Amino acid sequence: MRDYTIQIREIYKSHLDLKQNHIMTVLTVVTTIFMPLTLIVGWYGMNFRYMPELETRWGYPVVIVVSVVIVLGSLLFFKKKKWL
């Protein structure tokens, strides 16, 4: 009976470990996707006076498009590698 309970406990622990590994993988992928966007937000949050794209008409739309392309490219990459 004791061996049986030890085996059940080990099976349960391995199941929890697999579940935790999956959760950590998802969190790592989400962090990797949003890390470049955080860098872009950090640059624009510094309030530089002489950033050329701040005064052009297409500055912000280009940054928005680049951000969307980064997210979509990251998602496609992770889907292709089957990490997401």
PDB file of N, CA and C in Angstrom:
ATOM      1  N   MET A   1       0.824  -1.189   0.000  1.00  0.00           N
ATOM      2  CA  MET A   1       0.000   0.000   0.000  1.00  0.00           C
ATOM      3  C   MET A   1       0.880   1.271   0.000  1.00  0.00           C
ATOM      4  N   ARG A   2       1.965   1.212   0.770  1.00  0.00           N
ATOM      5  CA  ARG A   2       2.855   2.367   0.843  1.00  0.00           C
ATOM      6  C   ARG A   2       3.503   2.643  -0.516  1.00  0.00           C
ATOM      7  N   ASP A   3       3.959   1.617  -1.207  1.00  0.00           N
ATOM      8  CA  ASP A   3       4.554   1.785  -2.529  1.00  0.00           C
ATOM      9  C   ASP A   3       3.545   2.366  -3.523  1.00  0.00           C
ATOM     10  N   TYR A   4       2.327   1.941  -3.401  1.00  0.00           N
ATOM     11  CA  TYR A   4       1.283   2.436  -4.296  1.00  0.00           C
ATOM     12  C   TYR A   4       1.048   3.938  -4.088  1.00  0.00           C
ATOM     13  N   THR A   5       0.987   4.383  -2.834  1.00  0.00           N
ATOM     14  CA  THR A   5       0.789   5.815  -2.573  1.00  0.00           C
ATOM     15  C   THR A   5       2.000   6.630  -3.019  1.00  0.00           C
ATOM     16  N   ILE A   6       3.189   6.086  -2.879  1.00  0.00           N
ATOM     17  CA  ILE A   6       4.393   6.795  -3.344  1.00  0.00           C
ATOM     18  C   ILE A   6       4.359   6.932  -4.863  1.00  0.00           C
ATOM     19  N   GLN A   7       3.937   5.903  -5.561  1.00  0.00           N
ATOM     20  CA  GLN A   7       3.842   5.964  -7.022  1.00  0.00           C
ATOM     21  C   GLN A   7       2.788   6.982  -7.451  1.00  0.00           C
ATOM     22  N   ILE A   8       1.662   6.991  -6.774  1.00  0.00           N
ATOM     23  CA  ILE A   8       0.611   7.966  -7.115  1.00  0.00           C
ATOM     24  C   ILE A   8       1.102   9.383  -6.875  1.00  0.00           C
ATOM     25  N   ARG A   9       1.813   9.599  -5.772  1.00  0.00           N
ATOM     26  CA  ARG A   9       2.354  10.928  -5.484  1.00  0.00           C
ATOM     27  C   ARG A   9       3.371  11.350  -6.544  1.00  0.00           C
ATOM     28  N   GLU A  10       4.216  10.449  -6.974  1.00  0.00           N
ATOM     29  CA  GLU A  10       5.209  10.755  -8.015  1.00  0.00           C
ATOM     30  C   GLU A  10       4.531  11.064  -9.352  1.00  0.00           C
ATOM     31  N   ILE A  11       3.499  10.326  -9.683  1.00  0.00           N
ATOM     32  CA  ILE A  11       2.760  10.589 -10.927  1.00  0.00           C
ATOM     33  C   ILE A  11       2.103  11.964 -10.860  1.00  0.00           C
ATOM     34  N   TYR A  12       1.505  12.284  -9.738  1.00  0.00           N
ATOM     35  CA  TYR A  12       0.865  13.582  -9.566  1.00  0.00           C
ATOM     36  C   TYR A  12       1.888  14.703  -9.657  1.00  0.00           C
ATOM     37  N   LYS A  13       3.050  14.511  -9.033  1.00  0.00           N
ATOM     38  CA  LYS A  13       4.107  15.523  -9.082  1.00  0.00           C
ATOM     39  C   LYS A  13       4.621  15.715 -10.508  1.00  0.00           C
ATOM     40  N   SER A  14       4.789  14.643 -11.256  1.00  0.00           N
ATOM     41  CA  SER A  14       5.251  14.783 -12.637  1.00  0.00           C
ATOM     42  C   SER A  14       4.202  15.476 -13.499  1.00  0.00           C
ATOM     43  N   HIS A  15       2.925  15.223 -13.224  1.00  0.00           N
ATOM     44  CA  HIS A  15       1.859  15.912 -13.957  1.00  0.00           C
ATOM     45  C   HIS A  15       1.887  17.412 -13.670  1.00  0.00           C
ATOM     46  N   LEU A  16       2.079  17.779 -12.401  1.00  0.00           N
ATOM     47  CA  LEU A  16       2.183  19.192 -12.052  1.00  0.00           C
ATOM     48  C   LEU A  16       3.410  19.840 -12.684  1.00  0.00           C
ATOM     49  N   ASP A  17       4.523  19.117 -12.749  1.00  0.00           N
ATOM     50  CA  ASP A  17       5.732  19.645 -13.384  1.00  0.00           C
ATOM     51  C   ASP A  17       5.516  19.902 -14.869  1.00  0.00           C
ATOM     52  N   LEU A  18       4.836  18.991 -15.545  1.00  0.00           N
ATOM     53  CA  LEU A  18       4.540  19.197 -16.966  1.00  0.00           C
ATOM     54  C   LEU A  18       3.640  20.399 -17.175  1.00  0.00           C
ATOM     55  N   LYS A  19       2.655  20.542 -16.325  1.00  0.00           N
ATOM     56  CA  LYS A  19       1.745  21.681 -16.418  1.00  0.00           C
ATOM     57  C   LYS A  19       2.489  22.996 -16.187  1.00  0.00           C
ATOM     58  N   GLN A  20       3.367  23.013 -15.193  1.00  0.00           N
ATOM     59  CA  GLN A  20       4.151  24.208 -14.903  1.00  0.00           C
ATOM     60  C   GLN A  20       5.111  24.530 -16.050  1.00  0.00           C
ATOM     61  N   ASN A  21       5.718  23.525 -16.669  1.00  0.00           N
ATOM     62  CA  ASN A  21       6.602  23.757 -17.814  1.00  0.00           C
ATOM     63  C   ASN A  21       5.840  24.376 -18.973  1.00  0.00           C
ATOM     64  N   HIS A  22       4.620  23.935 -19.201  1.00  0.00           N
ATOM     65  CA  HIS A  22       3.808  24.516 -20.278  1.00  0.00           C
ATOM     66  C   HIS A  22       3.479  25.975 -19.982  1.00  0.00           C
ATOM     67  N   ILE A  23       3.116  26.261 -18.742  1.00  0.00           N
ATOM     68  CA  ILE A  23       2.804  27.638 -18.353  1.00  0.00           C
ATOM     69  C   ILE A  23       4.034  28.527 -18.514  1.00  0.00           C
ATOM     70  N   MET A  24       5.196  28.046 -18.102  1.00  0.00           N
ATOM     71  CA  MET A  24       6.421  28.839 -18.235  1.00  0.00           C
ATOM     72  C   MET A  24       6.782  29.069 -19.699  1.00  0.00           C
ATOM     73  N   THR A  25       6.526  28.092 -20.543  1.00  0.00           N
ATOM     74  CA  THR A  25       6.780  28.264 -21.976  1.00  0.00           C
ATOM     75  C   THR A  25       5.897  29.353 -22.560  1.00  0.00           C
ATOM     76  N   VAL A  26       4.626  29.338 -22.210  1.00  0.00           N
ATOM     77  CA  VAL A  26       3.703  30.362 -22.710  1.00  0.00           C
ATOM     78  C   VAL A  26       4.118  31.739 -22.213  1.00  0.00           C
ATOM     79  N   LEU A  27       4.467  31.856 -20.944  1.00  0.00           N
ATOM     80  CA  LEU A  27       4.887  33.154 -20.414  1.00  0.00           C
ATOM     81  C   LEU A  27       6.175  33.654 -21.069  1.00  0.00           C
ATOM     82  N   THR A  28       7.095  32.753 -21.372  1.00  0.00           N
ATOM     83  CA  THR A  28       8.335  33.135 -22.044  1.00  0.00           C
ATOM     84  C   THR A  28       8.060  33.632 -23.456  1.00  0.00           C
ATOM     85  N   VAL A  29       7.175  32.959 -24.159  1.00  0.00           N
ATOM     86  CA  VAL A  29       6.833  33.378 -25.518  1.00  0.00           C
ATOM     87  C   VAL A  29       6.150  34.742 -25.502  1.00  0.00           C
ATOM     88  N   VAL A  30       5.220  34.959 -24.586  1.00  0.00           N
ATOM     89  CA  VAL A  30       4.529  36.250 -24.500  1.00  0.00           C
ATOM     90  C   VAL A  30       5.526  37.358 -24.161  1.00  0.00           C
ATOM     91  N   THR A  31       6.443  37.089 -23.253  1.00  0.00           N
ATOM     92  CA  THR A  31       7.468  38.077 -22.912  1.00  0.00           C
ATOM     93  C   THR A  31       8.348  38.393 -24.106  1.00  0.00           C
ATOM     94  N   THR A  32       8.723  37.389 -24.857  1.00  0.00           N
ATOM     95  CA  THR A  32       9.569  37.591 -26.027  1.00  0.00           C
ATOM     96  C   THR A  32       8.852  38.382 -27.113  1.00  0.00           C
ATOM     97  N   ILE A  33       7.561  38.183 -27.247  1.00  0.00           N
ATOM     98  CA  ILE A  33       6.796  38.925 -28.253  1.00  0.00           C
ATOM     99  C   ILE A  33       6.717  40.407 -27.889  1.00  0.00           C
ATOM    100  N   PHE A  34       6.490  40.721 -26.622  1.00  0.00           N
ATOM    101  CA  PHE A  34       6.280  42.111 -26.233  1.00  0.00           C
ATOM    102  C   PHE A  34       7.549  42.846 -25.823  1.00  0.00           C
ATOM    103  N   MET A  35       8.685  42.174 -25.754  1.00  0.00           N
ATOM    104  CA  MET A  35       9.929  42.839 -25.384  1.00  0.00           C
ATOM    105  C   MET A  35      10.349  43.925 -26.391  1.00  0.00           C
ATOM    106  N   PRO A  36      10.309  43.682 -27.708  1.00  0.00           N
ATOM    107  CA  PRO A  36      10.670  44.763 -28.639  1.00  0.00           C
ATOM    108  C   PRO A  36       9.721  45.954 -28.555  1.00  0.00           C
ATOM    109  N   LEU A  37       8.441  45.681 -28.293  1.00  0.00           N
ATOM    110  CA  LEU A  37       7.491  46.788 -28.160  1.00  0.00           C
ATOM    111  C   LEU A  37       7.796  47.622 -26.920  1.00  0.00           C
ATOM    112  N   THR A  38       8.249  46.984 -25.868  1.00  0.00           N
ATOM    113  CA  THR A  38       8.637  47.707 -24.664  1.00  0.00           C
ATOM    114  C   THR A  38       9.837  48.606 -24.934  1.00  0.00           C
ATOM    115  N   LEU A  39      10.754  48.136 -25.753  1.00  0.00           N
ATOM    116  CA  LEU A  39      11.907  48.947 -26.132  1.00  0.00           C
ATOM    117  C   LEU A  39      11.472  50.180 -26.920  1.00  0.00           C
ATOM    118  N   ILE A  40      10.559  49.992 -27.860  1.00  0.00           N
ATOM    119  CA  ILE A  40      10.065  51.122 -28.655  1.00  0.00           C
ATOM    120  C   ILE A  40       9.353  52.135 -27.765  1.00  0.00           C
ATOM    121  N   VAL A  41       8.529  51.659 -26.848  1.00  0.00           N
ATOM    122  CA  VAL A  41       7.824  52.561 -25.926  1.00  0.00           C
ATOM    123  C   VAL A  41       8.822  53.296 -25.041  1.00  0.00           C
ATOM    124  N   GLY A  42       9.880  52.612 -24.638  1.00  0.00           N
ATOM    125  CA  GLY A  42      10.901  53.269 -23.827  1.00  0.00           C
ATOM    126  C   GLY A  42      11.593  54.391 -24.567  1.00  0.00           C
ATOM    127  N   TRP A  43      11.892  54.172 -25.836  1.00  0.00           N
ATOM    128  CA  TRP A  43      12.515  55.239 -26.631  1.00  0.00           C
ATOM    129  C   TRP A  43      11.596  56.437 -26.774  1.00  0.00           C
ATOM    130  N   TYR A  44      10.341  56.209 -27.070  1.00  0.00           N
ATOM    131  CA  TYR A  44       9.418  57.323 -27.267  1.00  0.00           C
ATOM    132  C   TYR A  44       8.989  57.951 -25.953  1.00  0.00           C
ATOM    133  N   GLY A  45       9.176  57.269 -24.848  1.00  0.00           N
ATOM    134  CA  GLY A  45       8.826  57.836 -23.561  1.00  0.00           C
ATOM    135  C   GLY A  45       9.891  58.743 -22.986  1.00  0.00           C
ATOM    136  N   MET A  46      11.055  58.821 -23.635  1.00  0.00           N
ATOM    137  CA  MET A  46      12.149  59.643 -23.128  1.00  0.00           C
ATOM    138  C   MET A  46      11.994  61.119 -23.477  1.00  0.00           C
ATOM    139  N   ASN A  47      11.041  61.456 -24.330  1.00  0.00           N
ATOM    140  CA  ASN A  47      10.764  62.846 -24.707  1.00  0.00           C
ATOM    141  C   ASN A  47      11.982  63.569 -25.263  1.00  0.00           C
ATOM    142  N   PHE A  48      12.641  62.944 -26.221  1.00  0.00           N
ATOM    143  CA  PHE A  48      13.742  63.611 -26.903  1.00  0.00           C
ATOM    144  C   PHE A  48      13.197  64.763 -27.727  1.00  0.00           C
ATOM    145  N   ARG A  49      13.985  65.790 -27.852  1.00  0.00           N
ATOM    146  CA  ARG A  49      13.552  66.951 -28.611  1.00  0.00           C
ATOM    147  C   ARG A  49      13.837  66.782 -30.105  1.00  0.00           C
ATOM    148  N   TYR A  50      14.901  66.085 -30.456  1.00  0.00           N
ATOM    149  CA  TYR A  50      15.346  66.045 -31.848  1.00  0.00           C
ATOM    150  C   TYR A  50      15.159  64.684 -32.498  1.00  0.00           C
ATOM    151  N   MET A  51      14.071  64.038 -32.232  1.00  0.00           N
ATOM    152  CA  MET A  51      13.770  62.778 -32.918  1.00  0.00           C
ATOM    153  C   MET A  51      13.071  63.138 -34.226  1.00  0.00           C
ATOM    154  N   PRO A  52      13.670  62.818 -35.374  1.00  0.00           N
ATOM    155  CA  PRO A  52      13.104  63.278 -36.641  1.00  0.00           C
ATOM    156  C   PRO A  52      11.704  62.736 -36.913  1.00  0.00           C
ATOM    157  N   GLU A  53      11.395  61.549 -36.461  1.00  0.00           N
ATOM    158  CA  GLU A  53      10.081  60.998 -36.771  1.00  0.00           C
ATOM    159  C   GLU A  53       8.962  61.644 -35.963  1.00  0.00           C
ATOM    160  N   LEU A  54       9.306  62.428 -34.946  1.00  0.00           N
ATOM    161  CA  LEU A  54       8.264  63.091 -34.170  1.00  0.00           C
ATOM    162  C   LEU A  54       7.627  64.245 -34.941  1.00  0.00           C
ATOM    163  N   GLU A  55       8.375  64.828 -35.845  1.00  0.00           N
ATOM    164  CA  GLU A  55       7.856  65.988 -36.566  1.00  0.00           C
ATOM    165  C   GLU A  55       7.374  65.666 -37.970  1.00  0.00           C
ATOM    166  N   THR A  56       7.595  64.442 -38.429  1.00  0.00           N
ATOM    167  CA  THR A  56       7.096  64.088 -39.749  1.00  0.00           C
ATOM    168  C   THR A  56       5.643  63.659 -39.656  1.00  0.00           C
ATOM    169  N   ARG A  57       4.967  63.748 -40.773  1.00  0.00           N
ATOM    170  CA  ARG A  57       3.545  63.419 -40.819  1.00  0.00           C
ATOM    171  C   ARG A  57       3.309  61.926 -40.609  1.00  0.00           C
ATOM    172  N   TRP A  58       4.209  61.102 -41.106  1.00  0.00           N
ATOM    173  CA  TRP A  58       4.024  59.656 -41.060  1.00  0.00           C
ATOM    174  C   TRP A  58       4.820  58.988 -39.949  1.00  0.00           C
ATOM    175  N   GLY A  59       5.353  59.752 -39.019  1.00  0.00           N
ATOM    176  CA  GLY A  59       6.191  59.193 -37.964  1.00  0.00           C
ATOM    177  C   GLY A  59       5.471  58.175 -37.091  1.00  0.00           C
ATOM    178  N   TYR A  60       4.370  58.580 -36.502  1.00  0.00           N
ATOM    179  CA  TYR A  60       3.648  57.674 -35.612  1.00  0.00           C
ATOM    180  C   TYR A  60       2.978  56.523 -36.349  1.00  0.00           C
ATOM    181  N   PRO A  61       2.353  56.751 -37.510  1.00  0.00           N
ATOM    182  CA  PRO A  61       1.793  55.594 -38.224  1.00  0.00           C
ATOM    183  C   PRO A  61       2.858  54.555 -38.598  1.00  0.00           C
ATOM    184  N   VAL A  62       4.054  55.006 -38.950  1.00  0.00           N
ATOM    185  CA  VAL A  62       5.122  54.063 -39.284  1.00  0.00           C
ATOM    186  C   VAL A  62       5.523  53.255 -38.048  1.00  0.00           C
ATOM    187  N   VAL A  63       5.614  53.907 -36.902  1.00  0.00           N
ATOM    188  CA  VAL A  63       5.962  53.195 -35.665  1.00  0.00           C
ATOM    189  C   VAL A  63       4.869  52.197 -35.311  1.00  0.00           C
ATOM    190  N   ILE A  64       3.612  52.557 -35.511  1.00  0.00           N
ATOM    191  CA  ILE A  64       2.502  51.642 -35.242  1.00  0.00           C
ATOM    192  C   ILE A  64       2.576  50.433 -36.173  1.00  0.00           C
ATOM    193  N   VAL A  65       2.829  50.682 -37.451  1.00  0.00           N
ATOM    194  CA  VAL A  65       2.930  49.579 -38.414  1.00  0.00           C
ATOM    195  C   VAL A  65       4.119  48.686 -38.083  1.00  0.00           C
ATOM    196  N   VAL A  66       5.241  49.274 -37.726  1.00  0.00           N
ATOM    197  CA  VAL A  66       6.421  48.482 -37.355  1.00  0.00           C
ATOM    198  C   VAL A  66       6.123  47.630 -36.123  1.00  0.00           C
ATOM    199  N   SER A  67       5.421  48.189 -35.158  1.00  0.00           N
ATOM    200  CA  SER A  67       5.062  47.431 -33.957  1.00  0.00           C
ATOM    201  C   SER A  67       4.159  46.255 -34.287  1.00  0.00           C
ATOM    202  N   VAL A  68       3.176  46.473 -35.143  1.00  0.00           N
ATOM    203  CA  VAL A  68       2.270  45.392 -35.536  1.00  0.00           C
ATOM    204  C   VAL A  68       3.027  44.316 -36.310  1.00  0.00           C
ATOM    205  N   VAL A  69       3.940  44.730 -37.183  1.00  0.00           N
ATOM    206  CA  VAL A  69       4.737  43.762 -37.947  1.00  0.00           C
ATOM    207  C   VAL A  69       5.622  42.934 -37.010  1.00  0.00           C
ATOM    208  N   ILE A  70       6.178  43.568 -35.994  1.00  0.00           N
ATOM    209  CA  ILE A  70       7.011  42.839 -35.027  1.00  0.00           C
ATOM    210  C   ILE A  70       6.180  41.791 -34.300  1.00  0.00           C
ATOM    211  N   VAL A  71       4.981  42.170 -33.847  1.00  0.00           N
ATOM    212  CA  VAL A  71       4.129  41.214 -33.124  1.00  0.00           C
ATOM    213  C   VAL A  71       3.700  40.073 -34.042  1.00  0.00           C
ATOM    214  N   LEU A  72       3.254  40.404 -35.254  1.00  0.00           N
ATOM    215  CA  LEU A  72       2.816  39.359 -36.184  1.00  0.00           C
ATOM    216  C   LEU A  72       3.977  38.452 -36.594  1.00  0.00           C
ATOM    217  N   GLY A  73       5.131  39.046 -36.832  1.00  0.00           N
ATOM    218  CA  GLY A  73       6.300  38.240 -37.182  1.00  0.00           C
ATOM    219  C   GLY A  73       6.707  37.307 -36.050  1.00  0.00           C
ATOM    220  N   SER A  74       6.663  37.805 -34.828  1.00  0.00           N
ATOM    221  CA  SER A  74       6.983  36.955 -33.680  1.00  0.00           C
ATOM    222  C   SER A  74       5.976  35.826 -33.529  1.00  0.00           C
ATOM    223  N   LEU A  75       4.685  36.149 -33.684  1.00  0.00           N
ATOM    224  CA  LEU A  75       3.658  35.115 -33.582  1.00  0.00           C
ATOM    225  C   LEU A  75       3.827  34.051 -34.657  1.00  0.00           C
ATOM    226  N   LEU A  76       4.101  34.476 -35.889  1.00  0.00           N
ATOM    227  CA  LEU A  76       4.306  33.505 -36.965  1.00  0.00           C
ATOM    228  C   LEU A  76       5.536  32.641 -36.706  1.00  0.00           C
ATOM    229  N   PHE A  77       6.598  33.258 -36.217  1.00  0.00           N
ATOM    230  CA  PHE A  77       7.810  32.501 -35.912  1.00  0.00           C
ATOM    231  C   PHE A  77       7.546  31.434 -34.852  1.00  0.00           C
ATOM    232  N   PHE A  78       6.848  31.826 -33.793  1.00  0.00           N
ATOM    233  CA  PHE A  78       6.583  30.872 -32.715  1.00  0.00           C
ATOM    234  C   PHE A  78       5.579  29.811 -33.130  1.00  0.00           C
ATOM    235  N   LYS A  79       4.632  30.157 -33.983  1.00  0.00           N
ATOM    236  CA  LYS A  79       3.705  29.141 -34.503  1.00  0.00           C
ATOM    237  C   LYS A  79       4.442  28.143 -35.378  1.00  0.00           C
ATOM    238  N   LYS A  80       5.381  28.649 -36.213  1.00  0.00           N
ATOM    239  CA  LYS A  80       6.143  27.777 -37.090  1.00  0.00           C
ATOM    240  C   LYS A  80       7.016  26.811 -36.302  1.00  0.00           C
ATOM    241  N   LYS A  81       7.599  27.296 -35.219  1.00  0.00           N
ATOM    242  CA  LYS A  81       8.439  26.454 -34.357  1.00  0.00           C
ATOM    243  C   LYS A  81       7.608  25.599 -33.414  1.00  0.00           C
ATOM    244  N   LYS A  82       6.299  25.814 -33.400  1.00  0.00           N
ATOM    245  CA  LYS A  82       5.343  25.095 -32.523  1.00  0.00           C
ATOM    246  C   LYS A  82       5.657  25.316 -31.051  1.00  0.00           C
ATOM    247  N   TRP A  83       6.031  26.560 -30.714  1.00  0.00           N
ATOM    248  CA  TRP A  83       6.272  26.918 -29.332  1.00  0.00           C
ATOM    249  C   TRP A  83       5.069  27.606 -28.726  1.00  0.00           C
ATOM    250  N   LEU A  84       4.079  27.932 -29.554  1.00  0.00           N
ATOM    251  CA  LEU A  84       2.904  28.642 -29.056  1.00  0.00           C
ATOM    252  C   LEU A  84       1.665  27.830 -29.318  1.00  0.00           C
TER     253      LEU A  84
END
